[in-house]
């Protein structure tokens, strides 16, 4: 999946469209997609699922109250040159 698709998933999540954001995250099994998936479950809130997806992404779990900062960090990562 392209970075712009994951950015769309972040935008959906921020607009409150959890279901569509979750669908975007489920469609991408990369580390970045798993990171998004973890954030989606953080917002749900479903801590055990969020922690699972953070492990899949190879990232330390920042806690259930970190959704806003994680969204910002993922947005920066997705816009970085590859």
Protein backbone atom coordinates (compact mmCIF):
# COMPACT_ATOMS: atom_id res chain seq x y z
CA UNK A 1 0.00 0.00 0.00
CA UNK A 2 1.27 3.48 -0.81
CA UNK A 3 1.97 6.07 1.89
CA UNK A 4 -0.91 8.22 0.63
CA UNK A 5 -3.32 5.36 1.43
CA UNK A 6 -2.09 5.22 5.01
CA UNK A 7 -2.33 9.02 5.22
CA UNK A 8 -5.94 8.65 4.12
CA UNK A 9 -6.41 6.11 6.93
CA UNK A 10 -5.05 8.64 9.43
CA UNK A 11 -7.41 11.30 8.09
CA UNK A 12 -10.35 8.92 8.40
CA UNK A 13 -9.39 8.11 11.97
CA UNK A 14 -9.09 11.79 12.87
CA UNK A 15 -12.51 12.49 11.36
CA UNK A 16 -14.05 9.78 13.55
CA UNK A 17 -14.54 7.17 10.83
CA UNK A 18 -13.06 4.30 12.84
CA UNK A 19 -14.46 1.54 10.60
CA UNK A 20 -12.97 2.87 7.38
CA UNK A 21 -9.66 3.70 9.08
CA UNK A 22 -9.56 0.13 10.38
CA UNK A 23 -10.21 -1.22 6.88
CA UNK A 24 -7.28 0.78 5.52
CA UNK A 25 -5.01 -0.50 8.29
CA UNK A 26 -6.11 -4.12 7.77
CA UNK A 27 -5.23 -3.91 4.09
CA UNK A 28 -1.58 -3.06 4.77
CA UNK A 29 0.59 -5.61 6.56
CA UNK A 30 3.76 -3.50 6.43
CA UNK A 31 5.35 -2.10 9.58
CA UNK A 32 3.76 1.28 8.86
CA UNK A 33 0.37 -0.33 8.26
CA UNK A 34 0.72 -2.25 11.52
CA UNK A 35 1.58 1.00 13.28
CA UNK A 36 -1.60 2.57 11.92
CA UNK A 37 -3.52 -0.53 12.98
CA UNK A 38 -2.18 -0.12 16.52
CA UNK A 39 -3.21 3.52 16.61
CA UNK A 40 -6.70 2.64 15.35
CA UNK A 41 -7.11 0.19 18.23
CA UNK A 42 -5.75 2.79 20.63
CA UNK A 43 -8.61 5.08 19.56
CA UNK A 44 -11.21 2.27 19.72
CA UNK A 45 -10.10 1.71 22.67
CA UNK A 46 -8.81 -1.85 22.70
CA UNK A 47 -5.51 -1.97 24.55
CA UNK A 48 -4.61 -5.60 23.93
CA UNK A 49 -5.15 -5.27 20.17
CA UNK A 50 -3.24 -1.97 20.13
CA UNK A 51 -0.28 -3.59 21.90
CA UNK A 52 -0.38 -6.55 19.48
CA UNK A 53 -0.19 -4.29 16.43
CA UNK A 54 2.60 -2.23 17.96
CA UNK A 55 4.59 -5.45 18.45
CA UNK A 56 3.91 -6.35 14.79
CA UNK A 57 5.14 -2.88 13.79
CA UNK A 58 8.31 -3.38 15.85
CA UNK A 59 7.52 -0.29 17.93
CA UNK A 60 7.34 0.23 21.68
CA UNK A 61 3.78 0.71 22.88
CA UNK A 62 3.43 4.31 24.12
CA UNK A 63 0.26 3.79 26.17
CA UNK A 64 -3.41 4.25 25.46
CA UNK A 65 -3.33 8.03 25.84
CA UNK A 66 -0.77 8.61 23.08
CA UNK A 67 -3.04 8.47 20.01
CA UNK A 68 -2.63 12.15 19.06
CA UNK A 69 1.16 12.11 19.29
CA UNK A 70 1.33 8.76 17.48
CA UNK A 71 -0.88 10.05 14.65
CA UNK A 72 1.48 13.03 14.28
CA UNK A 73 4.57 10.78 14.34
CA UNK A 74 3.15 8.36 11.77
CA UNK A 75 2.15 11.26 9.52
CA UNK A 76 5.76 12.52 9.62
CA UNK A 77 7.11 9.01 8.92
CA UNK A 78 4.77 8.60 5.94
CA UNK A 79 5.86 11.93 4.44
CA UNK A 80 9.59 11.24 4.86
CA UNK A 81 11.53 10.42 1.68
CA UNK A 82 12.10 6.73 1.15
